[in-house]
N, C-alpha and C. Protein backbone atom coordinates (compact mmCIF):
# COMPACT_ATOMS: atom_id res chain seq x y z
N MET A 1 273.06 95.56 219.74
CA MET A 1 272.95 96.97 219.41
C MET A 1 271.68 97.58 220.01
N ARG A 2 270.54 96.88 219.92
CA ARG A 2 269.30 97.41 220.47
C ARG A 2 269.39 97.59 221.97
N ARG A 3 270.06 96.64 222.66
CA ARG A 3 270.21 96.76 224.11
C ARG A 3 271.00 98.01 224.46
N THR A 4 272.02 98.30 223.68
CA THR A 4 272.82 99.51 223.91
C THR A 4 271.96 100.75 223.69
N LEU A 5 271.13 100.76 222.67
CA LEU A 5 270.26 101.89 222.42
C LEU A 5 269.27 102.09 223.55
N ILE A 6 268.74 101.00 224.08
CA ILE A 6 267.81 101.11 225.20
C ILE A 6 268.53 101.67 226.42
N ALA A 7 269.74 101.21 226.68
CA ALA A 7 270.51 101.74 227.81
C ALA A 7 270.77 103.22 227.63
N LEU A 8 271.13 103.63 226.41
CA LEU A 8 271.38 105.05 226.16
C LEU A 8 270.11 105.86 226.30
N THR A 9 268.98 105.33 225.86
CA THR A 9 267.71 106.03 226.01
C THR A 9 267.35 106.18 227.48
N LEU A 10 267.57 105.13 228.27
CA LEU A 10 267.31 105.22 229.70
C LEU A 10 268.25 106.22 230.35
N LEU A 11 269.51 106.28 229.91
CA LEU A 11 270.45 107.24 230.46
C LEU A 11 270.02 108.67 230.17
N ALA A 12 269.45 108.89 229.01
CA ALA A 12 269.04 110.23 228.62
C ALA A 12 267.56 110.49 228.90
N ALA A 13 267.00 109.74 229.81
CA ALA A 13 265.56 109.76 230.03
C ALA A 13 264.98 111.14 230.26
N PHE A 14 265.64 111.97 231.00
CA PHE A 14 265.06 113.26 231.33
C PHE A 14 265.49 114.35 230.37
N ALA A 15 266.45 114.07 229.52
CA ALA A 15 266.94 115.09 228.60
C ALA A 15 266.66 114.73 227.15
N GLY A 16 266.22 113.51 226.89
CA GLY A 16 266.10 113.08 225.51
C GLY A 16 264.71 112.61 225.15
N PRO A 17 264.63 111.77 224.12
CA PRO A 17 263.35 111.34 223.57
C PRO A 17 262.71 110.23 224.41
N PHE A 18 262.28 110.59 225.59
CA PHE A 18 261.69 109.63 226.51
C PHE A 18 260.25 110.04 226.71
N ALA A 19 259.33 109.15 226.53
CA ALA A 19 257.91 109.48 226.63
C ALA A 19 257.30 108.90 227.89
N TRP A 20 256.34 109.60 228.43
CA TRP A 20 255.57 109.13 229.58
C TRP A 20 254.18 108.80 229.08
N ALA A 21 253.56 107.82 229.64
CA ALA A 21 252.22 107.45 229.20
C ALA A 21 251.36 107.13 230.41
N ALA A 22 250.15 107.62 230.39
CA ALA A 22 249.20 107.29 231.43
C ALA A 22 248.42 106.06 230.99
N THR A 23 248.30 105.09 231.85
CA THR A 23 247.49 103.91 231.56
C THR A 23 246.61 103.63 232.76
N ASP A 24 245.40 103.23 232.51
CA ASP A 24 244.45 103.00 233.59
C ASP A 24 244.83 101.85 234.50
N GLY A 25 245.48 100.81 233.96
CA GLY A 25 245.75 99.63 234.76
C GLY A 25 247.08 99.63 235.48
N THR A 26 247.93 100.63 235.25
CA THR A 26 249.24 100.65 235.87
C THR A 26 249.09 100.69 237.39
N PRO A 27 249.86 99.86 238.11
CA PRO A 27 249.74 99.82 239.57
C PRO A 27 250.01 101.19 240.20
N LYS A 28 249.34 101.47 241.29
CA LYS A 28 249.52 102.73 242.01
C LYS A 28 251.00 102.91 242.36
N GLY A 29 251.51 104.12 242.15
CA GLY A 29 252.91 104.43 242.43
C GLY A 29 253.84 104.17 241.27
N TRP A 30 253.38 103.47 240.25
CA TRP A 30 254.17 103.13 239.07
C TRP A 30 253.63 103.94 237.89
N PHE A 31 254.46 104.09 236.86
CA PHE A 31 253.99 104.72 235.63
C PHE A 31 254.68 104.09 234.43
N MET A 32 254.08 104.29 233.28
CA MET A 32 254.62 103.76 232.03
C MET A 32 255.50 104.82 231.38
N ALA A 33 256.61 104.37 230.79
CA ALA A 33 257.52 105.26 230.08
C ALA A 33 258.27 104.43 229.05
N GLY A 34 259.25 105.01 228.42
CA GLY A 34 260.06 104.34 227.41
C GLY A 34 260.11 105.19 226.16
N ASN A 35 260.68 104.63 225.09
CA ASN A 35 260.67 105.39 223.84
C ASN A 35 259.44 105.05 222.99
N LYS A 36 258.68 104.03 223.37
CA LYS A 36 257.41 103.68 222.71
C LYS A 36 256.42 103.13 223.75
N PRO A 37 256.13 103.87 224.81
CA PRO A 37 255.26 103.32 225.86
C PRO A 37 253.85 103.02 225.37
N GLU A 38 253.43 103.68 224.30
CA GLU A 38 252.09 103.43 223.76
C GLU A 38 251.94 102.02 223.19
N ASN A 39 253.05 101.31 222.97
CA ASN A 39 253.00 99.94 222.45
C ASN A 39 252.87 98.89 223.56
N TYR A 40 252.79 99.35 224.83
CA TYR A 40 252.78 98.45 225.99
C TYR A 40 251.66 98.83 226.95
N HIS A 41 251.28 97.89 227.78
CA HIS A 41 250.35 98.19 228.86
C HIS A 41 250.77 97.39 230.09
N SER A 42 250.27 97.84 231.23
CA SER A 42 250.61 97.16 232.48
C SER A 42 249.37 97.08 233.35
N GLY A 43 249.48 96.29 234.39
CA GLY A 43 248.36 96.13 235.30
C GLY A 43 248.72 95.16 236.40
N VAL A 44 247.69 94.77 237.12
CA VAL A 44 247.85 93.83 238.22
C VAL A 44 246.83 92.71 238.03
N ASP A 45 247.30 91.46 238.04
CA ASP A 45 246.41 90.31 237.94
C ASP A 45 245.63 90.13 239.23
N ALA A 46 244.62 89.28 239.21
CA ALA A 46 243.79 89.02 240.39
C ALA A 46 244.59 88.51 241.58
N ASP A 47 245.73 87.85 241.32
CA ASP A 47 246.56 87.32 242.41
C ASP A 47 247.54 88.35 242.97
N GLY A 48 247.48 89.60 242.48
CA GLY A 48 248.36 90.65 242.98
C GLY A 48 249.71 90.71 242.29
N THR A 49 249.85 90.04 241.17
CA THR A 49 251.09 90.06 240.40
C THR A 49 251.00 91.14 239.33
N ALA A 50 252.00 92.02 239.27
CA ALA A 50 252.02 93.07 238.25
C ALA A 50 252.54 92.51 236.94
N PHE A 51 252.14 93.14 235.83
CA PHE A 51 252.63 92.69 234.52
C PHE A 51 252.93 93.89 233.63
N LEU A 52 253.82 93.65 232.67
CA LEU A 52 254.13 94.56 231.58
C LEU A 52 254.01 93.72 230.31
N ALA A 53 253.20 94.16 229.36
CA ALA A 53 252.95 93.37 228.16
C ALA A 53 252.88 94.26 226.93
N SER A 54 253.30 93.69 225.80
CA SER A 54 253.13 94.40 224.53
C SER A 54 251.65 94.33 224.16
N LYS A 55 251.18 95.33 223.44
CA LYS A 55 249.79 95.35 223.01
C LYS A 55 249.54 94.47 221.80
N SER A 56 250.61 93.99 221.17
CA SER A 56 250.50 93.15 219.99
C SER A 56 251.42 91.95 220.14
N ASP A 57 251.02 90.83 219.54
CA ASP A 57 251.89 89.65 219.54
C ASP A 57 253.01 89.79 218.52
N ALA A 58 252.81 90.69 217.55
CA ALA A 58 253.83 90.92 216.53
C ALA A 58 254.97 91.72 217.14
N ALA A 59 256.13 91.65 216.52
CA ALA A 59 257.28 92.43 217.01
C ALA A 59 256.89 93.89 217.12
N THR A 60 257.17 94.45 218.26
CA THR A 60 256.82 95.83 218.56
C THR A 60 258.08 96.68 218.50
N GLU A 61 257.99 97.81 217.87
CA GLU A 61 259.13 98.71 217.77
C GLU A 61 259.34 99.43 219.10
N GLY A 62 260.59 99.63 219.48
CA GLY A 62 260.90 100.38 220.69
C GLY A 62 260.76 99.56 221.95
N PHE A 63 260.80 100.28 223.09
CA PHE A 63 260.66 99.60 224.37
C PHE A 63 259.72 100.37 225.28
N GLY A 64 259.17 99.64 226.23
CA GLY A 64 258.32 100.23 227.25
C GLY A 64 258.81 99.80 228.61
N THR A 65 258.54 100.62 229.61
CA THR A 65 258.93 100.30 230.97
C THR A 65 257.82 100.68 231.93
N MET A 66 257.62 99.85 232.92
CA MET A 66 256.77 100.16 234.06
C MET A 66 257.75 100.51 235.17
N MET A 67 257.67 101.73 235.71
CA MET A 67 258.75 102.21 236.55
C MET A 67 258.28 103.10 237.69
N GLN A 68 259.22 103.40 238.57
CA GLN A 68 259.07 104.40 239.61
C GLN A 68 260.31 105.28 239.59
N SER A 69 260.18 106.48 240.10
CA SER A 69 261.30 107.39 240.24
C SER A 69 261.19 108.03 241.63
N ILE A 70 262.26 107.91 242.42
CA ILE A 70 262.23 108.39 243.80
C ILE A 70 263.46 109.27 244.08
N LYS A 71 263.37 110.06 245.16
CA LYS A 71 264.52 110.81 245.61
C LYS A 71 265.55 109.84 246.19
N ALA A 72 266.81 110.19 246.09
CA ALA A 72 267.89 109.31 246.55
C ALA A 72 268.23 109.50 248.02
N ASP A 73 267.60 110.45 248.70
CA ASP A 73 267.96 110.81 250.08
C ASP A 73 268.17 109.62 251.01
N ASN A 74 267.25 108.69 251.04
CA ASN A 74 267.33 107.55 251.97
C ASN A 74 268.40 106.52 251.59
N TYR A 75 268.98 106.66 250.39
CA TYR A 75 269.94 105.67 249.90
C TYR A 75 271.31 106.27 249.61
N ALA A 76 271.47 107.57 249.79
CA ALA A 76 272.71 108.27 249.44
C ALA A 76 273.89 107.69 250.22
N GLY A 77 274.98 107.42 249.49
CA GLY A 77 276.19 106.87 250.09
C GLY A 77 276.12 105.39 250.38
N LYS A 78 275.13 104.71 249.83
CA LYS A 78 274.93 103.30 250.12
C LYS A 78 274.87 102.48 248.83
N ARG A 79 274.97 101.17 248.98
CA ARG A 79 274.78 100.24 247.88
C ARG A 79 273.34 99.74 247.95
N VAL A 80 272.65 99.75 246.82
CA VAL A 80 271.22 99.45 246.79
C VAL A 80 270.96 98.29 245.82
N ARG A 81 270.05 97.40 246.24
CA ARG A 81 269.67 96.26 245.39
C ARG A 81 268.18 96.33 245.07
N LEU A 82 267.87 96.27 243.78
CA LEU A 82 266.51 96.05 243.32
C LEU A 82 266.39 94.56 243.08
N ARG A 83 265.43 93.93 243.71
CA ARG A 83 265.24 92.49 243.57
C ARG A 83 263.77 92.23 243.27
N ALA A 84 263.51 91.28 242.37
CA ALA A 84 262.13 90.90 242.06
C ALA A 84 262.12 89.49 241.50
N SER A 85 261.00 88.83 241.71
CA SER A 85 260.73 87.56 241.02
C SER A 85 260.05 87.91 239.71
N VAL A 86 260.53 87.31 238.63
CA VAL A 86 260.01 87.62 237.30
C VAL A 86 259.78 86.32 236.54
N ARG A 87 258.68 86.27 235.81
CA ARG A 87 258.49 85.20 234.83
C ARG A 87 258.10 85.85 233.52
N SER A 88 258.33 85.14 232.43
CA SER A 88 258.09 85.73 231.12
C SER A 88 257.34 84.76 230.22
N GLU A 89 256.68 85.34 229.22
CA GLU A 89 255.99 84.54 228.22
C GLU A 89 256.19 85.18 226.85
N ASN A 90 256.76 84.40 225.95
CA ASN A 90 256.94 84.80 224.55
C ASN A 90 257.65 86.14 224.38
N VAL A 91 258.65 86.42 225.17
CA VAL A 91 259.42 87.65 225.00
C VAL A 91 260.29 87.49 223.75
N GLN A 92 259.94 88.22 222.71
CA GLN A 92 260.61 88.08 221.42
C GLN A 92 261.93 88.83 221.36
N GLY A 93 262.01 89.98 221.97
CA GLY A 93 263.26 90.72 222.05
C GLY A 93 263.95 90.35 223.34
N TRP A 94 263.82 91.20 224.34
CA TRP A 94 264.37 90.91 225.66
C TRP A 94 263.67 91.78 226.68
N ALA A 95 263.82 91.37 227.93
CA ALA A 95 263.23 92.10 229.05
C ALA A 95 264.22 92.06 230.20
N GLY A 96 263.96 92.87 231.21
CA GLY A 96 264.82 92.85 232.38
C GLY A 96 264.36 93.84 233.43
N LEU A 97 264.90 93.69 234.61
CA LEU A 97 264.77 94.73 235.62
C LEU A 97 265.78 95.81 235.28
N TRP A 98 265.59 97.01 235.78
CA TRP A 98 266.57 98.05 235.56
C TRP A 98 266.53 99.05 236.71
N MET A 99 267.68 99.69 236.92
CA MET A 99 267.78 100.75 237.90
C MET A 99 268.81 101.75 237.39
N ARG A 100 268.50 103.04 237.64
CA ARG A 100 269.40 104.13 237.25
C ARG A 100 269.55 105.08 238.43
N VAL A 101 270.78 105.52 238.69
CA VAL A 101 271.06 106.50 239.73
C VAL A 101 271.41 107.81 239.05
N ASP A 102 270.77 108.90 239.49
CA ASP A 102 270.97 110.21 238.88
C ASP A 102 271.63 111.19 239.83
N LYS A 103 272.39 112.11 239.24
CA LYS A 103 272.93 113.28 239.94
C LYS A 103 272.37 114.48 239.19
N GLY A 104 271.43 115.17 239.79
CA GLY A 104 270.76 116.26 239.08
C GLY A 104 270.00 115.72 237.89
N THR A 105 270.25 116.30 236.72
CA THR A 105 269.58 115.82 235.50
C THR A 105 270.43 114.84 234.72
N ALA A 106 271.60 114.48 235.26
CA ALA A 106 272.49 113.54 234.57
C ALA A 106 272.45 112.17 235.23
N ALA A 107 272.49 111.15 234.41
CA ALA A 107 272.55 109.78 234.92
C ALA A 107 273.97 109.49 235.40
N PHE A 108 274.08 108.90 236.58
CA PHE A 108 275.38 108.52 237.13
C PHE A 108 275.73 107.09 236.78
N SER A 109 274.77 106.18 236.97
CA SER A 109 274.99 104.77 236.63
C SER A 109 273.66 104.10 236.30
N ILE A 110 273.77 102.99 235.57
CA ILE A 110 272.57 102.26 235.17
C ILE A 110 272.92 100.79 234.97
N ASP A 111 271.95 99.94 235.23
CA ASP A 111 272.02 98.53 234.84
C ASP A 111 270.61 98.15 234.41
N ASN A 112 270.48 97.66 233.18
CA ASN A 112 269.17 97.24 232.67
C ASN A 112 269.15 95.76 232.29
N MET A 113 270.09 94.99 232.82
CA MET A 113 270.19 93.56 232.55
C MET A 113 270.44 93.24 231.08
N ALA A 114 270.94 94.21 230.32
CA ALA A 114 271.22 93.97 228.90
C ALA A 114 272.23 92.85 228.71
N SER A 115 273.14 92.67 229.67
CA SER A 115 274.14 91.62 229.54
C SER A 115 273.63 90.27 230.04
N ARG A 116 272.44 90.24 230.62
CA ARG A 116 271.83 89.00 231.12
C ARG A 116 270.31 89.08 230.95
N PRO A 117 269.86 89.23 229.71
CA PRO A 117 268.45 89.49 229.43
C PRO A 117 267.53 88.30 229.70
N ILE A 118 266.28 88.63 229.92
CA ILE A 118 265.21 87.64 230.02
C ILE A 118 264.62 87.51 228.62
N LYS A 119 264.57 86.29 228.09
CA LYS A 119 264.07 86.06 226.74
C LYS A 119 263.13 84.85 226.74
N GLY A 120 262.23 84.83 225.77
CA GLY A 120 261.37 83.67 225.58
C GLY A 120 260.37 83.50 226.72
N THR A 121 260.12 82.24 227.05
CA THR A 121 259.19 81.89 228.13
C THR A 121 259.99 81.28 229.26
N THR A 122 259.86 81.85 230.45
CA THR A 122 260.63 81.37 231.60
C THR A 122 259.71 81.20 232.81
N ALA A 123 260.13 80.32 233.70
CA ALA A 123 259.44 80.16 234.98
C ALA A 123 259.86 81.31 235.90
N TRP A 124 259.27 81.37 237.09
CA TRP A 124 259.64 82.38 238.07
C TRP A 124 261.12 82.25 238.43
N ASN A 125 261.85 83.35 238.35
CA ASN A 125 263.25 83.44 238.76
C ASN A 125 263.44 84.75 239.51
N THR A 126 264.36 84.76 240.44
CA THR A 126 264.68 85.99 241.16
C THR A 126 265.88 86.66 240.49
N TYR A 127 265.74 87.95 240.24
CA TYR A 127 266.79 88.74 239.59
C TYR A 127 267.16 89.91 240.49
N ASP A 128 268.43 90.32 240.40
CA ASP A 128 268.94 91.44 241.17
C ASP A 128 269.60 92.45 240.25
N VAL A 129 269.45 93.71 240.59
CA VAL A 129 270.21 94.81 240.01
C VAL A 129 270.77 95.57 241.20
N VAL A 130 272.10 95.71 241.26
CA VAL A 130 272.78 96.33 242.40
C VAL A 130 273.64 97.49 241.92
N LEU A 131 273.41 98.68 242.49
CA LEU A 131 274.18 99.87 242.13
C LEU A 131 274.62 100.62 243.38
N ASP A 132 275.74 101.31 243.26
CA ASP A 132 276.18 102.22 244.31
C ASP A 132 275.50 103.57 244.09
N VAL A 133 275.06 104.16 245.19
CA VAL A 133 274.41 105.46 245.15
C VAL A 133 275.36 106.45 245.82
N PRO A 134 275.96 107.35 245.07
CA PRO A 134 276.90 108.29 245.70
C PRO A 134 276.18 109.24 246.66
N ALA A 135 276.94 109.83 247.57
CA ALA A 135 276.37 110.71 248.58
C ALA A 135 275.64 111.91 247.97
N ASP A 136 276.07 112.34 246.79
CA ASP A 136 275.43 113.50 246.16
C ASP A 136 274.38 113.12 245.10
N ALA A 137 273.95 111.87 245.10
CA ALA A 137 272.91 111.44 244.16
C ALA A 137 271.60 112.15 244.49
N THR A 138 270.80 112.39 243.47
CA THR A 138 269.53 113.08 243.67
C THR A 138 268.31 112.21 243.40
N GLY A 139 268.47 111.15 242.60
CA GLY A 139 267.32 110.33 242.27
C GLY A 139 267.68 108.91 241.92
N ILE A 140 266.69 108.04 242.07
CA ILE A 140 266.82 106.64 241.67
C ILE A 140 265.56 106.29 240.89
N ALA A 141 265.74 105.76 239.70
CA ALA A 141 264.63 105.28 238.89
C ALA A 141 264.81 103.78 238.73
N PHE A 142 263.70 103.04 238.73
CA PHE A 142 263.79 101.58 238.62
C PHE A 142 262.50 101.02 238.08
N GLY A 143 262.58 99.79 237.59
CA GLY A 143 261.38 99.13 237.10
C GLY A 143 261.74 97.90 236.28
N THR A 144 260.83 97.58 235.38
CA THR A 144 261.05 96.49 234.43
C THR A 144 260.85 97.07 233.04
N LEU A 145 261.57 96.52 232.08
CA LEU A 145 261.42 97.00 230.71
C LEU A 145 261.31 95.82 229.76
N MET A 146 260.75 96.11 228.59
CA MET A 146 260.65 95.08 227.55
C MET A 146 260.83 95.74 226.19
N GLU A 147 261.60 95.07 225.35
CA GLU A 147 261.81 95.48 223.97
C GLU A 147 261.17 94.42 223.09
N SER A 148 260.38 94.84 222.14
CA SER A 148 259.66 93.99 221.21
C SER A 148 258.36 93.50 221.83
N SER A 149 258.05 92.21 221.72
CA SER A 149 256.74 91.73 222.16
C SER A 149 256.89 90.65 223.22
N GLY A 150 255.78 90.42 223.94
CA GLY A 150 255.74 89.41 224.98
C GLY A 150 255.12 89.97 226.24
N GLU A 151 255.36 89.26 227.35
CA GLU A 151 254.80 89.69 228.64
C GLU A 151 255.71 89.23 229.77
N VAL A 152 255.87 90.07 230.77
CA VAL A 152 256.59 89.70 231.99
C VAL A 152 255.70 90.00 233.19
N TRP A 153 255.83 89.17 234.22
CA TRP A 153 255.11 89.35 235.48
C TRP A 153 256.13 89.56 236.58
N LEU A 154 255.79 90.40 237.55
CA LEU A 154 256.67 90.69 238.68
C LEU A 154 255.93 90.49 239.99
N ASN A 155 256.66 89.96 240.97
CA ASN A 155 256.18 90.00 242.35
C ASN A 155 257.37 89.98 243.28
N HIS A 156 257.10 90.14 244.55
CA HIS A 156 258.15 90.19 245.57
C HIS A 156 259.22 91.23 245.23
N VAL A 157 258.80 92.42 244.79
CA VAL A 157 259.73 93.49 244.44
C VAL A 157 260.23 94.16 245.71
N SER A 158 261.55 94.39 245.78
CA SER A 158 262.11 95.12 246.93
C SER A 158 263.24 96.02 246.45
N LEU A 159 263.41 97.12 247.16
CA LEU A 159 264.53 98.04 246.96
C LEU A 159 265.15 98.21 248.34
N GLU A 160 266.37 97.69 248.51
CA GLU A 160 266.96 97.65 249.84
C GLU A 160 268.43 97.99 249.83
N VAL A 161 268.90 98.51 250.95
CA VAL A 161 270.32 98.77 251.14
C VAL A 161 270.99 97.44 251.44
N VAL A 162 272.14 97.20 250.80
CA VAL A 162 272.91 95.97 251.02
C VAL A 162 274.35 96.35 251.37
N GLY A 163 275.08 95.40 251.88
CA GLY A 163 276.48 95.62 252.24
C GLY A 163 277.40 95.60 251.04
N THR A 164 278.62 96.00 251.28
CA THR A 164 279.62 96.01 250.21
C THR A 164 280.06 94.61 249.80
N ASP A 165 279.63 93.59 250.56
CA ASP A 165 279.91 92.22 250.16
C ASP A 165 279.07 91.80 248.96
N VAL A 166 277.99 92.54 248.67
CA VAL A 166 277.15 92.29 247.50
C VAL A 166 277.74 93.10 246.35
N LYS A 167 278.15 92.42 245.28
CA LYS A 167 278.81 93.09 244.15
C LYS A 167 277.80 93.86 243.30
N PRO A 168 278.20 95.04 242.80
CA PRO A 168 277.35 95.76 241.85
C PRO A 168 277.17 94.95 240.57
N THR A 169 276.07 95.14 239.90
CA THR A 169 275.78 94.39 238.69
C THR A 169 276.04 95.17 237.42
N ASN A 170 276.40 96.44 237.53
CA ASN A 170 276.66 97.24 236.33
C ASN A 170 278.13 97.20 235.96
N ILE A 171 278.69 96.00 235.93
CA ILE A 171 280.10 95.81 235.66
C ILE A 171 280.36 95.97 234.16
N PRO A 172 281.26 96.89 233.76
CA PRO A 172 281.56 97.05 232.33
C PRO A 172 282.52 95.96 231.84
N TYR A 173 283.05 96.13 230.68
CA TYR A 173 284.06 95.23 230.12
C TYR A 173 283.55 93.80 229.94
N GLY A 174 282.36 93.64 229.42
CA GLY A 174 281.85 92.32 229.10
C GLY A 174 281.64 91.43 230.31
N GLY A 175 281.23 92.01 231.45
CA GLY A 175 280.93 91.22 232.63
C GLY A 175 282.11 91.01 233.55
N GLN A 176 283.27 91.63 233.26
CA GLN A 176 284.43 91.50 234.12
C GLN A 176 284.64 92.80 234.88
N GLU A 177 285.14 92.70 236.09
CA GLU A 177 285.45 93.90 236.85
C GLU A 177 286.62 94.62 236.21
N ALA A 178 286.61 95.94 236.31
CA ALA A 178 287.72 96.74 235.78
C ALA A 178 288.96 96.48 236.62
N PRO A 179 290.13 96.41 235.99
CA PRO A 179 291.35 96.22 236.77
C PRO A 179 291.63 97.47 237.61
N SER A 180 292.41 97.31 238.68
CA SER A 180 292.73 98.44 239.55
C SER A 180 293.96 99.20 239.07
N ALA A 181 294.68 98.67 238.11
CA ALA A 181 295.87 99.33 237.56
C ALA A 181 295.93 99.02 236.06
N PRO A 182 296.63 99.85 235.28
CA PRO A 182 296.77 99.58 233.86
C PRO A 182 297.37 98.21 233.60
N VAL A 183 297.02 97.63 232.48
CA VAL A 183 297.48 96.29 232.12
C VAL A 183 298.11 96.32 230.73
N ASN A 184 299.24 95.63 230.59
CA ASN A 184 299.89 95.40 229.30
C ASN A 184 300.10 96.68 228.48
N LEU A 185 300.68 97.70 229.13
CA LEU A 185 300.89 98.96 228.44
C LEU A 185 301.96 98.87 227.34
N ASP A 186 302.83 97.87 227.42
CA ASP A 186 303.84 97.70 226.37
C ASP A 186 303.42 96.67 225.31
N PHE A 187 302.24 96.11 225.44
CA PHE A 187 301.67 95.17 224.47
C PHE A 187 302.47 93.89 224.30
N ARG A 188 303.23 93.49 225.28
CA ARG A 188 304.07 92.29 225.18
C ARG A 188 303.37 91.04 225.67
N GLN A 189 302.24 91.19 226.27
CA GLN A 189 301.55 90.00 226.79
C GLN A 189 300.60 89.46 225.76
């Protein structure tokens, strides 16, 4: 349920209860946001690895995101992949990469890894979020998010155009692709 609420909050980011927060340590070009960004902080370690962390070890209400928002011009009509290496420590709720494609002030599509969350303590792993960007898209927002407490580190972040051989990751229906035609309309199967 919380993952669904976070997805809905990200979908309504520009029209709903979405807060922006200025933080001194946030990497250049990135900013903090979410429905409780004041409960999180971000920065860059000495080795050049960015992080997003809760300010408390106790369960934190809401979610925070370290993100960017760009115009869709260079990606319009293409399939785009956000890829990053991520490791986590003591993530009590869940974390993930996320990307949203907008048309004007409305969200067109989103994937926040809610169906494949990062939890607990993990070693470095590479994660992908892949979305189609329609020709009339106006913006792309992306980053990492965390709900509750813990810390995630990111490096090797890329946003790149990929071919149609790379499947989108925002597949509905519990991780299955939608059928191309109606199924079992007479309920006999």
